[in-house]
């Protein structure tokens, strides 16, 4: 009996992690409002009561899905930092990964998440490095010769974050495809802070990226 009691929390934790992983994929694929807690409970063969014992409500589950994605992003960035030759390469790989994620995400997800304010705030803030970390990262790019030394990186870091907030909050994507807007923000930003050496690297990446 004691052994079973000790195993029970571990089983619950494992179930919880599996639900977070599966629900995150469903929310991205179908949109948040299209996926109900009944759907999620049924897909795991558990009662809705059990699901609500693990997550107080749908928004709590959504927040955990976003938190998991942020953790995976941090792991990916650490792996790339260990493998990549320079900071611009790391940024471009992160950009490419972001594009792949956006391709796999239903537009309804971005519309729906505005109805969940706590989750929306988590999404807006979660992927942003602190200003200090970002500035140190860009300064390393200056040292490597890829970024301009006359750029005020604390200011441009805040401006980039503000542009991404505008993208999330505005209706511009009703007129233009989300990926086109995101690409315009990121490539314009990187061109503006890059040296000639950095621009050559960036343009090579863009050429190869658009061939795909």
N, C-alpha and C. Protein backbone atom coordinates (compact mmCIF):
# COMPACT_ATOMS: atom_id res chain seq x y z
N UNK A 1 0.83 -1.21 0.00
CA UNK A 1 0.00 0.00 0.00
C UNK A 1 0.86 1.26 0.00
N UNK A 2 1.93 1.27 0.83
CA UNK A 2 2.79 2.43 0.88
C UNK A 2 3.49 2.65 -0.46
N UNK A 3 3.88 1.54 -1.10
CA UNK A 3 4.53 1.66 -2.41
C UNK A 3 3.57 2.25 -3.43
N UNK A 4 2.32 1.80 -3.42
CA UNK A 4 1.31 2.34 -4.35
C UNK A 4 1.09 3.82 -4.09
N UNK A 5 1.03 4.21 -2.82
CA UNK A 5 0.81 5.62 -2.47
C UNK A 5 1.97 6.48 -2.95
N UNK A 6 3.19 5.94 -2.85
CA UNK A 6 4.37 6.69 -3.28
C UNK A 6 4.39 6.86 -4.80
N UNK A 7 3.90 5.84 -5.51
CA UNK A 7 3.90 5.89 -6.98
C UNK A 7 2.81 6.80 -7.52
N UNK A 8 1.73 6.94 -6.76
CA UNK A 8 0.58 7.69 -7.27
C UNK A 8 0.90 9.12 -7.70
N UNK A 9 1.61 9.92 -6.86
CA UNK A 9 1.94 11.28 -7.30
C UNK A 9 2.77 11.29 -8.58
N UNK A 10 3.69 10.32 -8.73
CA UNK A 10 4.52 10.26 -9.94
C UNK A 10 3.66 9.98 -11.16
N UNK A 11 2.69 9.10 -11.01
CA UNK A 11 1.78 8.79 -12.12
C UNK A 11 0.97 10.02 -12.49
N UNK A 12 0.51 10.75 -11.49
CA UNK A 12 -0.26 11.98 -11.74
C UNK A 12 0.60 13.02 -12.44
N UNK A 13 1.85 13.16 -12.01
CA UNK A 13 2.75 14.12 -12.66
C UNK A 13 2.99 13.75 -14.12
N UNK A 14 3.17 12.45 -14.36
CA UNK A 14 3.38 11.99 -15.73
C UNK A 14 2.16 12.26 -16.59
N UNK A 15 0.97 11.99 -16.05
CA UNK A 15 -0.27 12.27 -16.78
C UNK A 15 -0.39 13.76 -17.05
N UNK A 16 -0.07 14.57 -16.06
CA UNK A 16 -0.17 16.02 -16.20
C UNK A 16 0.73 16.52 -17.33
N UNK A 17 1.96 16.02 -17.40
CA UNK A 17 2.89 16.44 -18.44
C UNK A 17 2.41 15.99 -19.82
N UNK A 18 1.85 14.80 -19.89
CA UNK A 18 1.33 14.31 -21.17
C UNK A 18 0.15 15.16 -21.65
N UNK A 19 -0.70 15.55 -20.71
CA UNK A 19 -1.85 16.39 -21.07
C UNK A 19 -1.37 17.75 -21.56
N UNK A 20 -0.40 18.34 -20.89
CA UNK A 20 0.14 19.64 -21.29
C UNK A 20 0.69 19.57 -22.71
N UNK A 21 1.46 18.52 -22.99
CA UNK A 21 2.05 18.35 -24.32
C UNK A 21 0.98 18.19 -25.38
N UNK A 22 0.02 17.31 -25.13
CA UNK A 22 -1.03 17.03 -26.12
C UNK A 22 -1.95 18.23 -26.31
N UNK A 23 -2.35 18.87 -25.20
CA UNK A 23 -3.25 20.03 -25.29
C UNK A 23 -2.59 21.18 -26.03
N UNK A 24 -1.29 21.38 -25.79
CA UNK A 24 -0.58 22.44 -26.50
C UNK A 24 -0.63 22.24 -28.01
N UNK A 25 -0.44 21.01 -28.45
CA UNK A 25 -0.51 20.71 -29.88
C UNK A 25 -1.92 20.93 -30.41
N UNK A 26 -2.93 20.53 -29.64
CA UNK A 26 -4.32 20.71 -30.07
C UNK A 26 -4.70 22.18 -30.16
N UNK A 27 -4.32 22.97 -29.15
CA UNK A 27 -4.62 24.40 -29.18
C UNK A 27 -3.99 25.06 -30.39
N UNK A 28 -2.74 24.69 -30.69
CA UNK A 28 -2.05 25.29 -31.83
C UNK A 28 -2.69 24.87 -33.16
N UNK A 29 -3.10 23.63 -33.25
CA UNK A 29 -3.64 23.10 -34.51
C UNK A 29 -5.08 23.53 -34.77
N UNK A 30 -5.90 23.51 -33.71
CA UNK A 30 -7.34 23.74 -33.88
C UNK A 30 -7.80 25.12 -33.45
N UNK A 31 -6.98 25.83 -32.68
CA UNK A 31 -7.44 27.05 -32.03
C UNK A 31 -7.87 26.70 -30.61
N UNK A 32 -7.84 27.68 -29.74
CA UNK A 32 -8.10 27.40 -28.32
C UNK A 32 -9.58 27.13 -28.06
N UNK A 33 -10.43 27.94 -28.63
CA UNK A 33 -11.87 27.82 -28.33
C UNK A 33 -12.46 26.56 -28.94
N UNK A 34 -11.82 26.02 -29.98
CA UNK A 34 -12.34 24.81 -30.63
C UNK A 34 -12.08 23.56 -29.81
N UNK A 35 -11.15 23.64 -28.87
CA UNK A 35 -10.79 22.49 -28.05
C UNK A 35 -11.39 22.66 -26.66
N UNK A 36 -12.26 21.75 -26.26
CA UNK A 36 -12.90 21.86 -24.95
C UNK A 36 -12.19 20.96 -23.94
N UNK A 37 -12.46 21.21 -22.68
CA UNK A 37 -11.92 20.35 -21.63
C UNK A 37 -12.51 18.95 -21.75
N UNK A 38 -13.75 18.85 -22.23
CA UNK A 38 -14.35 17.52 -22.49
C UNK A 38 -13.54 16.76 -23.53
N UNK A 39 -13.13 17.48 -24.60
CA UNK A 39 -12.33 16.85 -25.65
C UNK A 39 -11.03 16.30 -25.08
N UNK A 40 -10.36 17.11 -24.26
CA UNK A 40 -9.07 16.72 -23.71
C UNK A 40 -9.22 15.53 -22.76
N UNK A 41 -10.24 15.59 -21.89
CA UNK A 41 -10.47 14.47 -20.96
C UNK A 41 -10.76 13.19 -21.73
N UNK A 42 -11.60 13.29 -22.76
CA UNK A 42 -11.95 12.10 -23.54
C UNK A 42 -10.75 11.52 -24.26
N UNK A 43 -9.86 12.38 -24.76
CA UNK A 43 -8.69 11.89 -25.50
C UNK A 43 -7.74 11.09 -24.62
N UNK A 44 -7.80 11.33 -23.30
CA UNK A 44 -6.95 10.61 -22.37
C UNK A 44 -7.71 9.53 -21.59
N UNK A 45 -9.01 9.41 -21.88
CA UNK A 45 -9.81 8.40 -21.21
C UNK A 45 -9.96 8.64 -19.72
N UNK A 46 -10.01 9.93 -19.35
CA UNK A 46 -10.19 10.27 -17.94
C UNK A 46 -11.46 11.10 -17.79
N UNK A 47 -11.93 11.21 -16.57
CA UNK A 47 -13.12 12.02 -16.33
C UNK A 47 -12.75 13.50 -16.33
N UNK A 48 -13.74 14.34 -16.60
CA UNK A 48 -13.48 15.77 -16.55
C UNK A 48 -13.13 16.21 -15.12
N UNK A 49 -13.67 15.51 -14.15
CA UNK A 49 -13.34 15.81 -12.75
C UNK A 49 -11.84 15.61 -12.51
N UNK A 50 -11.30 14.52 -13.03
CA UNK A 50 -9.87 14.26 -12.87
C UNK A 50 -9.05 15.35 -13.54
N UNK A 51 -9.49 15.77 -14.72
CA UNK A 51 -8.78 16.83 -15.44
C UNK A 51 -8.78 18.12 -14.63
N UNK A 52 -9.92 18.45 -14.01
CA UNK A 52 -10.00 19.69 -13.23
C UNK A 52 -9.25 19.58 -11.90
N UNK A 53 -8.96 18.37 -11.47
CA UNK A 53 -8.10 18.21 -10.30
C UNK A 53 -6.65 18.54 -10.65
N UNK A 54 -6.30 18.34 -11.91
CA UNK A 54 -4.94 18.63 -12.37
C UNK A 54 -4.78 20.08 -12.81
N UNK A 55 -5.85 20.66 -13.38
CA UNK A 55 -5.82 22.04 -13.88
C UNK A 55 -7.13 22.70 -13.46
N UNK A 56 -7.04 23.81 -12.78
CA UNK A 56 -8.24 24.42 -12.20
C UNK A 56 -9.25 24.85 -13.26
N UNK A 57 -8.76 25.25 -14.44
CA UNK A 57 -9.65 25.62 -15.54
C UNK A 57 -8.85 25.57 -16.85
N UNK A 58 -9.52 25.88 -17.92
CA UNK A 58 -8.89 25.80 -19.24
C UNK A 58 -7.73 26.79 -19.37
N UNK A 59 -7.89 27.98 -18.81
CA UNK A 59 -6.81 28.96 -18.91
C UNK A 59 -5.58 28.49 -18.14
N UNK A 60 -5.77 27.84 -17.01
CA UNK A 60 -4.63 27.31 -16.25
C UNK A 60 -3.87 26.28 -17.08
N UNK A 61 -4.60 25.44 -17.80
CA UNK A 61 -3.97 24.46 -18.69
C UNK A 61 -3.24 25.17 -19.82
N UNK A 62 -3.86 26.18 -20.40
CA UNK A 62 -3.25 26.93 -21.49
C UNK A 62 -1.95 27.60 -21.03
N UNK A 63 -1.95 28.16 -19.84
CA UNK A 63 -0.75 28.80 -19.30
C UNK A 63 0.39 27.78 -19.18
N UNK A 64 0.06 26.58 -18.71
CA UNK A 64 1.07 25.53 -18.60
C UNK A 64 1.61 25.12 -19.97
N UNK A 65 0.75 25.11 -20.98
CA UNK A 65 1.18 24.79 -22.34
C UNK A 65 2.17 25.84 -22.85
N UNK A 66 1.87 27.10 -22.58
CA UNK A 66 2.75 28.18 -23.01
C UNK A 66 4.07 28.11 -22.24
N UNK A 67 3.97 27.85 -20.93
CA UNK A 67 5.18 27.75 -20.11
C UNK A 67 6.09 26.62 -20.61
N UNK A 68 5.49 25.53 -21.00
CA UNK A 68 6.27 24.39 -21.53
C UNK A 68 6.98 24.79 -22.82
N UNK A 69 6.28 25.50 -23.68
CA UNK A 69 6.88 25.92 -24.95
C UNK A 69 8.05 26.87 -24.70
N UNK A 70 7.92 27.74 -23.72
CA UNK A 70 9.00 28.66 -23.37
C UNK A 70 10.22 27.88 -22.87
N UNK A 71 9.98 26.87 -22.05
CA UNK A 71 11.08 26.04 -21.55
C UNK A 71 11.79 25.33 -22.69
N UNK A 72 11.02 24.81 -23.65
CA UNK A 72 11.62 24.14 -24.81
C UNK A 72 12.44 25.13 -25.64
N UNK A 73 11.95 26.37 -25.73
CA UNK A 73 12.69 27.41 -26.45
C UNK A 73 14.02 27.71 -25.77
N UNK A 74 14.00 27.78 -24.45
CA UNK A 74 15.22 28.05 -23.70
C UNK A 74 16.24 26.92 -23.89
N UNK A 75 15.76 25.69 -23.88
CA UNK A 75 16.64 24.54 -24.10
C UNK A 75 17.24 24.61 -25.50
N UNK A 76 16.40 24.92 -26.49
CA UNK A 76 16.86 25.03 -27.87
C UNK A 76 17.94 26.11 -28.00
N UNK A 77 17.73 27.26 -27.37
CA UNK A 77 18.69 28.34 -27.46
C UNK A 77 20.02 27.96 -26.81
N UNK A 78 19.97 27.25 -25.70
CA UNK A 78 21.22 26.81 -25.05
C UNK A 78 21.97 25.84 -25.95
N UNK A 79 21.23 24.94 -26.59
CA UNK A 79 21.87 23.98 -27.50
C UNK A 79 22.51 24.69 -28.68
N UNK A 80 21.81 25.69 -29.24
CA UNK A 80 22.35 26.42 -30.38
C UNK A 80 23.56 27.25 -29.98
N UNK A 81 23.53 27.81 -28.78
CA UNK A 81 24.67 28.60 -28.30
C UNK A 81 25.92 27.74 -28.20
N UNK A 82 25.72 26.46 -27.85
CA UNK A 82 26.85 25.55 -27.73
C UNK A 82 27.40 25.11 -29.09
N UNK A 83 26.53 25.13 -30.12
CA UNK A 83 26.92 24.61 -31.43
C UNK A 83 27.30 25.69 -32.43
N UNK A 84 26.70 26.87 -32.31
CA UNK A 84 26.82 27.89 -33.35
C UNK A 84 28.15 28.64 -33.26
N UNK A 85 28.54 29.19 -34.39
CA UNK A 85 29.82 29.89 -34.47
C UNK A 85 29.72 31.35 -34.03
N UNK A 86 28.52 31.95 -34.16
CA UNK A 86 28.37 33.37 -33.81
C UNK A 86 26.93 33.67 -33.41
N UNK A 87 26.71 34.85 -32.82
CA UNK A 87 25.39 35.18 -32.29
C UNK A 87 24.37 35.41 -33.39
N UNK A 88 24.80 35.91 -34.54
CA UNK A 88 23.85 36.11 -35.64
C UNK A 88 23.30 34.77 -36.10
N UNK A 89 24.15 33.77 -36.17
CA UNK A 89 23.69 32.44 -36.55
C UNK A 89 22.65 31.92 -35.57
N UNK A 90 22.86 32.17 -34.27
CA UNK A 90 21.91 31.76 -33.25
C UNK A 90 20.56 32.45 -33.47
N UNK A 91 20.60 33.76 -33.71
CA UNK A 91 19.36 34.52 -33.94
C UNK A 91 18.61 34.01 -35.16
N UNK A 92 19.33 33.72 -36.23
CA UNK A 92 18.70 33.27 -37.46
C UNK A 92 18.09 31.87 -37.29
N UNK A 93 18.75 31.02 -36.53
CA UNK A 93 18.19 29.69 -36.27
C UNK A 93 16.94 29.80 -35.41
N UNK A 94 16.98 30.74 -34.46
CA UNK A 94 15.79 30.95 -33.64
C UNK A 94 14.65 31.48 -34.50
N UNK A 95 14.97 32.38 -35.41
CA UNK A 95 13.95 32.91 -36.31
C UNK A 95 13.35 31.78 -37.14
N UNK A 96 14.20 30.92 -37.70
CA UNK A 96 13.72 29.83 -38.54
C UNK A 96 12.82 28.89 -37.73
N UNK A 97 13.19 28.63 -36.49
CA UNK A 97 12.36 27.78 -35.64
C UNK A 97 11.01 28.45 -35.36
N UNK A 98 11.03 29.76 -35.15
CA UNK A 98 9.79 30.49 -34.91
C UNK A 98 8.86 30.40 -36.11
N UNK A 99 9.43 30.52 -37.31
CA UNK A 99 8.63 30.42 -38.53
C UNK A 99 7.99 29.04 -38.63
N UNK A 100 8.75 28.00 -38.33
CA UNK A 100 8.22 26.64 -38.38
C UNK A 100 7.07 26.48 -37.39
N UNK A 101 7.21 27.08 -36.20
CA UNK A 101 6.14 27.02 -35.21
C UNK A 101 4.90 27.78 -35.69
N UNK A 102 5.10 28.95 -36.30
CA UNK A 102 3.96 29.72 -36.79
C UNK A 102 3.23 28.98 -37.92
N UNK A 103 4.00 28.30 -38.77
CA UNK A 103 3.38 27.52 -39.85
C UNK A 103 2.48 26.42 -39.27
N UNK A 104 2.86 25.88 -38.12
CA UNK A 104 2.11 24.79 -37.51
C UNK A 104 0.99 25.29 -36.59
N UNK A 105 0.84 26.61 -36.49
CA UNK A 105 -0.16 27.19 -35.59
C UNK A 105 -1.31 27.81 -36.36
N UNK A 106 -2.51 27.39 -36.03
CA UNK A 106 -3.72 27.94 -36.64
C UNK A 106 -3.86 29.41 -36.27
N UNK A 107 -4.22 30.24 -37.25
CA UNK A 107 -4.41 31.67 -36.99
C UNK A 107 -5.41 31.91 -35.86
N UNK A 108 -6.37 30.99 -35.72
CA UNK A 108 -7.38 31.15 -34.67
C UNK A 108 -6.75 31.16 -33.27
N UNK A 109 -5.61 30.50 -33.13
CA UNK A 109 -4.95 30.49 -31.82
C UNK A 109 -4.64 31.91 -31.36
N UNK A 110 -4.10 32.74 -32.25
CA UNK A 110 -3.71 34.10 -31.89
C UNK A 110 -4.93 34.99 -31.66
N UNK A 111 -6.02 34.69 -32.36
CA UNK A 111 -7.26 35.43 -32.11
C UNK A 111 -7.88 35.01 -30.77
N UNK A 112 -7.87 33.71 -30.53
CA UNK A 112 -8.53 33.17 -29.34
C UNK A 112 -7.82 33.55 -28.04
N UNK A 113 -6.49 33.60 -28.08
CA UNK A 113 -5.75 33.77 -26.83
C UNK A 113 -6.02 35.13 -26.18
N UNK A 114 -6.48 36.08 -26.96
CA UNK A 114 -6.80 37.40 -26.40
C UNK A 114 -7.98 37.31 -25.43
N UNK A 115 -8.73 36.22 -25.51
CA UNK A 115 -9.87 36.03 -24.60
C UNK A 115 -9.41 35.46 -23.25
N UNK A 116 -8.13 35.14 -23.15
CA UNK A 116 -7.58 34.56 -21.92
C UNK A 116 -6.45 35.46 -21.44
N UNK A 117 -6.76 36.50 -20.67
CA UNK A 117 -5.78 37.55 -20.36
C UNK A 117 -4.52 37.07 -19.66
N UNK A 118 -4.65 36.12 -18.72
CA UNK A 118 -3.44 35.65 -18.01
C UNK A 118 -2.53 34.87 -18.95
N UNK A 119 -3.13 34.06 -19.79
CA UNK A 119 -2.34 33.29 -20.76
C UNK A 119 -1.74 34.21 -21.82
N UNK A 120 -2.51 35.21 -22.21
CA UNK A 120 -2.03 36.18 -23.20
C UNK A 120 -0.80 36.91 -22.69
N UNK A 121 -0.85 37.31 -21.41
CA UNK A 121 0.29 38.00 -20.81
C UNK A 121 1.50 37.07 -20.73
N UNK A 122 1.24 35.81 -20.42
CA UNK A 122 2.33 34.82 -20.38
C UNK A 122 2.99 34.68 -21.75
N UNK A 123 2.18 34.65 -22.80
CA UNK A 123 2.70 34.52 -24.16
C UNK A 123 3.51 35.74 -24.55
N UNK A 124 3.01 36.92 -24.22
CA UNK A 124 3.70 38.17 -24.58
C UNK A 124 5.05 38.29 -23.90
N UNK A 125 5.09 37.93 -22.63
CA UNK A 125 6.31 38.16 -21.85
C UNK A 125 7.26 36.98 -21.81
N UNK A 126 6.74 35.80 -21.98
CA UNK A 126 7.53 34.61 -21.75
C UNK A 126 8.74 34.44 -22.64
N UNK A 127 8.62 34.79 -23.90
CA UNK A 127 9.72 34.58 -24.83
C UNK A 127 10.72 35.72 -24.85
N UNK A 128 10.42 36.80 -24.13
CA UNK A 128 11.33 37.94 -24.12
C UNK A 128 12.44 37.71 -23.09
N UNK A 129 13.66 37.74 -23.55
CA UNK A 129 14.77 37.73 -22.60
C UNK A 129 14.72 39.04 -21.82
N UNK A 130 15.33 39.07 -20.65
CA UNK A 130 15.43 40.34 -19.95
C UNK A 130 16.27 41.30 -20.79
N UNK A 131 16.06 42.59 -20.59
CA UNK A 131 16.82 43.57 -21.36
C UNK A 131 18.32 43.40 -21.16
N UNK A 132 18.71 43.10 -19.93
CA UNK A 132 20.14 42.93 -19.64
C UNK A 132 20.73 41.76 -20.42
N UNK A 133 20.02 40.62 -20.45
CA UNK A 133 20.49 39.45 -21.19
C UNK A 133 20.58 39.76 -22.68
N UNK A 134 19.54 40.44 -23.20
CA UNK A 134 19.51 40.76 -24.63
C UNK A 134 20.66 41.69 -25.00
N UNK A 135 20.91 42.69 -24.16
CA UNK A 135 21.98 43.65 -24.44
C UNK A 135 23.33 42.94 -24.43
N UNK A 136 23.55 42.06 -23.47
CA UNK A 136 24.81 41.31 -23.43
C UNK A 136 24.98 40.44 -24.68
N UNK A 137 23.87 39.88 -25.14
CA UNK A 137 23.91 39.05 -26.34
C UNK A 137 24.31 39.90 -27.55
N UNK A 138 23.70 41.07 -27.69
CA UNK A 138 24.02 41.94 -28.83
C UNK A 138 25.45 42.49 -28.73
N UNK A 139 25.90 42.75 -27.53
CA UNK A 139 27.28 43.24 -27.36
C UNK A 139 28.29 42.18 -27.82
N UNK A 140 27.96 40.92 -27.58
CA UNK A 140 28.82 39.85 -28.08
C UNK A 140 28.84 39.86 -29.61
N UNK A 141 27.69 40.18 -30.22
CA UNK A 141 27.63 40.31 -31.67
C UNK A 141 28.47 41.47 -32.18
N UNK A 142 28.54 42.54 -31.41
CA UNK A 142 29.42 43.68 -31.75
C UNK A 142 30.88 43.21 -31.71
N UNK A 143 31.23 42.50 -30.65
CA UNK A 143 32.61 42.02 -30.51
C UNK A 143 33.00 41.10 -31.66
N UNK A 144 32.02 40.33 -32.15
CA UNK A 144 32.29 39.40 -33.24
C UNK A 144 32.26 40.08 -34.61
N UNK A 145 31.84 41.34 -34.64
CA UNK A 145 31.85 42.08 -35.90
C UNK A 145 30.58 41.99 -36.71
N UNK A 146 29.51 41.44 -36.14
CA UNK A 146 28.26 41.27 -36.89
C UNK A 146 27.27 42.40 -36.64
N UNK A 147 27.34 43.05 -35.48
CA UNK A 147 26.43 44.13 -35.15
C UNK A 147 27.20 45.43 -34.97
N UNK A 148 26.53 46.54 -35.27
CA UNK A 148 27.14 47.86 -35.21
C UNK A 148 27.36 48.28 -33.76
N UNK A 149 28.49 48.93 -33.52
CA UNK A 149 28.80 49.36 -32.16
C UNK A 149 28.14 50.68 -31.78
N UNK A 150 27.56 51.40 -32.78
CA UNK A 150 26.93 52.69 -32.49
C UNK A 150 25.43 52.56 -32.19
N UNK A 151 24.95 51.34 -31.99
CA UNK A 151 23.53 51.11 -31.71
C UNK A 151 23.31 51.12 -30.20
N UNK A 152 22.24 51.80 -29.77
CA UNK A 152 21.85 51.78 -28.36
C UNK A 152 20.96 50.55 -28.15
N UNK A 153 21.56 49.45 -27.74
CA UNK A 153 20.84 48.19 -27.69
C UNK A 153 19.74 48.13 -26.63
N UNK A 154 19.87 48.77 -25.46
CA UNK A 154 18.72 48.79 -24.55
C UNK A 154 17.47 49.40 -25.19
N UNK A 155 17.67 50.46 -25.99
CA UNK A 155 16.52 51.11 -26.64
C UNK A 155 15.95 50.22 -27.73
N UNK A 156 16.80 49.70 -28.62
CA UNK A 156 16.28 48.91 -29.73
C UNK A 156 15.66 47.60 -29.25
N UNK A 157 16.15 47.05 -28.11
CA UNK A 157 15.55 45.84 -27.56
C UNK A 157 14.12 46.13 -27.11
N UNK A 158 13.92 47.27 -26.44
CA UNK A 158 12.57 47.66 -26.02
C UNK A 158 11.67 47.91 -27.24
N UNK A 159 12.23 48.54 -28.27
CA UNK A 159 11.44 48.82 -29.47
C UNK A 159 11.01 47.53 -30.17
N UNK A 160 11.91 46.55 -30.22
CA UNK A 160 11.57 45.28 -30.85
C UNK A 160 10.45 44.59 -30.08
N UNK A 161 10.56 44.59 -28.75
CA UNK A 161 9.50 43.98 -27.94
C UNK A 161 8.17 44.71 -28.15
N UNK A 162 8.24 46.03 -28.27
CA UNK A 162 7.01 46.82 -28.48
C UNK A 162 6.38 46.48 -29.83
N UNK A 163 7.22 46.28 -30.85
CA UNK A 163 6.70 45.91 -32.17
C UNK A 163 6.00 44.56 -32.13
N UNK A 164 6.57 43.62 -31.38
CA UNK A 164 5.94 42.30 -31.27
C UNK A 164 4.63 42.38 -30.50
N UNK A 165 4.57 43.26 -29.50
CA UNK A 165 3.31 43.47 -28.78
C UNK A 165 2.25 44.05 -29.71
N UNK A 166 2.66 44.99 -30.55
CA UNK A 166 1.72 45.59 -31.51
C UNK A 166 1.21 44.52 -32.47
N UNK A 167 2.12 43.65 -32.92
CA UNK A 167 1.73 42.58 -33.83
C UNK A 167 0.66 41.71 -33.18
N UNK A 168 0.83 41.40 -31.90
CA UNK A 168 -0.14 40.56 -31.21
C UNK A 168 -1.48 41.25 -31.01
N UNK A 169 -1.44 42.57 -30.81
CA UNK A 169 -2.65 43.28 -30.41
C UNK A 169 -3.41 43.93 -31.57
N UNK A 170 -2.72 44.22 -32.67
CA UNK A 170 -3.36 44.97 -33.74
C UNK A 170 -4.12 44.04 -34.69
N UNK A 171 -4.86 44.66 -35.62
CA UNK A 171 -5.61 43.92 -36.63
C UNK A 171 -4.86 43.85 -37.96
N UNK A 172 -3.57 44.16 -37.96
CA UNK A 172 -2.82 44.21 -39.21
C UNK A 172 -2.83 42.87 -39.94
N UNK A 173 -2.92 41.78 -39.16
CA UNK A 173 -2.90 40.46 -39.79
C UNK A 173 -4.23 40.09 -40.45
N UNK A 174 -5.23 40.97 -40.31
CA UNK A 174 -6.45 40.80 -41.10
C UNK A 174 -6.24 41.28 -42.52
N UNK A 175 -5.21 42.13 -42.71
CA UNK A 175 -4.88 42.67 -44.03
C UNK A 175 -3.70 41.94 -44.66
N UNK A 176 -2.70 41.62 -43.83
CA UNK A 176 -1.48 40.97 -44.33
C UNK A 176 -1.27 39.64 -43.60
N UNK A 177 -0.68 38.65 -44.28
CA UNK A 177 -0.40 37.38 -43.61
C UNK A 177 0.52 37.59 -42.40
N UNK A 178 0.25 36.85 -41.33
CA UNK A 178 1.02 36.98 -40.10
C UNK A 178 2.52 36.80 -40.35
N UNK A 179 2.88 35.79 -41.15
CA UNK A 179 4.30 35.51 -41.39
C UNK A 179 4.98 36.65 -42.14
N UNK A 180 4.25 37.30 -43.05
CA UNK A 180 4.83 38.43 -43.78
C UNK A 180 5.13 39.59 -42.84
N UNK A 181 4.21 39.83 -41.90
CA UNK A 181 4.42 40.92 -40.94
C UNK A 181 5.59 40.59 -40.01
N UNK A 182 5.61 39.37 -39.53
CA UNK A 182 6.69 38.94 -38.62
C UNK A 182 8.04 39.03 -39.34
N UNK A 183 8.09 38.58 -40.57
CA UNK A 183 9.33 38.64 -41.35
C UNK A 183 9.78 40.09 -41.54
N UNK A 184 8.86 40.97 -41.83
CA UNK A 184 9.20 42.38 -42.03
C UNK A 184 9.80 42.99 -40.77
N UNK A 185 9.22 42.65 -39.62
CA UNK A 185 9.74 43.18 -38.35
C UNK A 185 11.16 42.67 -38.10
N UNK A 186 11.35 41.36 -38.21
CA UNK A 186 12.62 40.76 -37.83
C UNK A 186 13.74 41.11 -38.81
N UNK A 187 13.48 41.02 -40.11
CA UNK A 187 14.54 41.28 -41.09
C UNK A 187 14.90 42.76 -41.12
N UNK A 188 13.92 43.64 -40.98
CA UNK A 188 14.22 45.07 -40.94
C UNK A 188 15.06 45.41 -39.70
N UNK A 189 14.69 44.81 -38.56
CA UNK A 189 15.44 45.01 -37.32
C UNK A 189 16.89 44.55 -37.47
N UNK A 190 17.08 43.33 -37.96
CA UNK A 190 18.42 42.78 -38.07
C UNK A 190 19.27 43.53 -39.08
N UNK A 191 18.67 43.96 -40.19
CA UNK A 191 19.43 44.76 -41.16
C UNK A 191 19.89 46.07 -40.53
N UNK A 192 19.05 46.66 -39.70
CA UNK A 192 19.36 47.96 -39.11
C UNK A 192 20.50 47.92 -38.11
N UNK A 193 20.68 46.79 -37.42
CA UNK A 193 21.72 46.73 -36.39
C UNK A 193 23.00 46.04 -36.89
N UNK A 194 22.97 45.52 -38.12
CA UNK A 194 24.10 44.71 -38.61
C UNK A 194 25.16 45.55 -39.33
N UNK A 195 26.39 45.09 -39.22
CA UNK A 195 27.49 45.65 -40.00
C UNK A 195 27.42 45.07 -41.41
N UNK A 196 28.33 45.49 -42.29
CA UNK A 196 28.36 44.92 -43.64
C UNK A 196 28.57 43.41 -43.56
N UNK A 197 29.43 42.99 -42.67
CA UNK A 197 29.66 41.55 -42.47
C UNK A 197 28.38 40.84 -42.04
N UNK A 198 27.66 41.46 -41.11
CA UNK A 198 26.41 40.88 -40.64
C UNK A 198 25.34 40.86 -41.71
N UNK A 199 25.27 41.92 -42.51
CA UNK A 199 24.27 41.99 -43.58
C UNK A 199 24.52 40.90 -44.62
N UNK A 200 25.80 40.65 -44.96
CA UNK A 200 26.11 39.59 -45.92
C UNK A 200 25.62 38.24 -45.40
N UNK A 201 25.86 37.99 -44.12
CA UNK A 201 25.40 36.73 -43.51
C UNK A 201 23.88 36.65 -43.52
N UNK A 202 23.23 37.77 -43.20
CA UNK A 202 21.78 37.82 -43.16
C UNK A 202 21.18 37.61 -44.54
N UNK A 203 21.72 38.29 -45.56
CA UNK A 203 21.16 38.17 -46.91
C UNK A 203 21.34 36.75 -47.45
N UNK A 204 22.45 36.10 -47.10
CA UNK A 204 22.65 34.71 -47.50
C UNK A 204 21.58 33.82 -46.88
N UNK A 205 21.31 34.07 -45.59
CA UNK A 205 20.27 33.30 -44.91
C UNK A 205 18.91 33.52 -45.58
N UNK A 206 18.57 34.78 -45.87
CA UNK A 206 17.26 35.10 -46.47
C UNK A 206 17.13 34.42 -47.84
N UNK A 207 18.20 34.45 -48.63
CA UNK A 207 18.16 33.80 -49.96
C UNK A 207 17.89 32.31 -49.82
N UNK A 208 18.61 31.64 -48.91
CA UNK A 208 18.42 30.20 -48.73
C UNK A 208 17.04 29.89 -48.13
N UNK A 209 16.61 30.74 -47.21
CA UNK A 209 15.31 30.56 -46.57
C UNK A 209 14.17 30.65 -47.58
N UNK A 210 14.25 31.62 -48.50
CA UNK A 210 13.16 31.81 -49.46
C UNK A 210 13.17 30.75 -50.56
N UNK A 211 14.31 30.11 -50.78
CA UNK A 211 14.33 28.99 -51.72
C UNK A 211 13.50 27.81 -51.22
N UNK A 212 13.45 27.69 -49.88
CA UNK A 212 12.71 26.59 -49.28
C UNK A 212 11.21 26.86 -49.25
